[in-house]
Protein backbone atom coordinates (compact mmCIF):
# COMPACT_ATOMS: atom_id res chain seq x y z
CA MET A 1 -15.38 34.31 -11.80
CA PHE A 2 -11.69 33.41 -11.76
CA ASP A 3 -11.54 33.95 -8.01
CA ILE A 4 -13.88 30.99 -7.67
CA ILE A 5 -11.53 28.84 -9.75
CA VAL A 6 -8.57 29.87 -7.59
CA TRP A 7 -10.38 29.13 -4.32
CA ALA A 8 -11.78 25.85 -5.62
CA GLY A 9 -8.28 24.85 -6.71
CA THR A 10 -6.93 25.80 -3.30
CA THR A 11 -9.55 23.64 -1.64
CA LEU A 12 -8.71 20.69 -3.90
CA SER A 13 -5.00 21.10 -3.20
CA LEU A 14 -5.56 21.19 0.54
CA ALA A 15 -7.78 18.11 0.36
CA GLY A 16 -5.07 16.32 -1.60
CA LEU A 17 -2.44 17.41 0.91
CA ALA A 18 -4.58 16.10 3.77
CA GLY A 19 -4.86 12.78 1.94
CA LEU A 20 -1.10 12.59 1.50
CA VAL A 21 -0.55 13.29 5.20
CA TRP A 22 -3.07 10.57 6.06
CA CYS A 23 -1.19 8.09 3.86
CA ILE A 24 2.13 8.99 5.45
CA LEU A 25 0.73 8.61 8.96
CA ARG A 26 -0.91 5.28 8.16
CA VAL A 27 2.30 3.76 6.77
CA HIS A 28 4.34 5.24 9.62
CA LYS A 29 1.97 3.67 12.14
CA ALA A 30 2.24 0.31 10.38
CA ARG A 31 6.05 0.50 10.41
CA ARG A 32 6.11 1.31 14.13
CA SER A 33 3.73 -1.51 15.04
CA GLY A 34 6.32 -4.15 14.16
CA LEU A 35 4.39 -5.99 11.48
CA SER A 36 6.00 -8.75 9.52
CA ASP A 37 7.40 -7.99 6.09
CA GLU A 38 4.36 -9.46 4.32
CA GLU A 39 1.87 -7.57 6.48
CA LEU A 40 3.77 -4.32 6.00
CA ARG A 41 3.87 -4.87 2.25
CA ALA A 42 0.10 -5.51 2.24
CA THR A 43 -0.50 -2.30 4.18
CA VAL A 44 1.62 -0.26 1.79
CA GLN A 45 -0.15 -1.82 -1.20
CA ALA A 46 -3.52 -0.92 0.34
CA VAL A 47 -2.44 2.70 0.88
CA LEU A 48 -0.90 3.15 -2.58
CA PRO A 49 -4.17 3.85 -4.50
CA TRP A 50 -5.18 6.42 -1.88
CA ASN A 51 -1.76 8.01 -2.13
CA LEU A 52 -1.98 8.29 -5.91
CA GLY A 53 -5.54 9.64 -5.71
CA ALA A 54 -4.53 12.29 -3.19
CA LEU A 55 -1.56 13.28 -5.32
CA PHE A 56 -3.79 13.55 -8.41
CA LEU A 57 -6.31 15.66 -6.49
CA SER A 58 -3.55 17.98 -5.32
CA VAL A 59 -2.18 18.34 -8.86
CA LEU A 60 -5.64 19.14 -10.24
CA GLY A 61 -6.07 21.78 -7.57
CA LEU A 62 -2.73 23.37 -8.34
CA MET A 63 -3.56 23.39 -12.05
CA ALA A 64 -6.85 25.13 -11.30
CA VAL A 65 -5.04 27.75 -9.22
CA ILE A 66 -2.55 28.41 -12.03
CA VAL A 67 -5.35 28.69 -14.61
CA GLY A 68 -7.36 31.00 -12.38
CA ILE A 69 -4.40 33.27 -11.74
CA SER A 70 -3.30 33.28 -15.40
CA LEU A 71 -6.70 34.11 -16.82
CA GLY A 72 -7.83 36.39 -14.02
């Protein structure tokens, strides 16, 4: 039972990590493309909710892993 919680948490953490990498790559690409300051700011503001969501997903996954290991 607790093995399922650990593996589900691992999956959530990896999905969150993939989202964070995607956010980093998207902002890096925008910085390299030579956008104006306003366009770059708009890009970062568009990525920010995705970044926070990915971070939250990763934290939930890590919490599930800790709970699964502690109770298992």
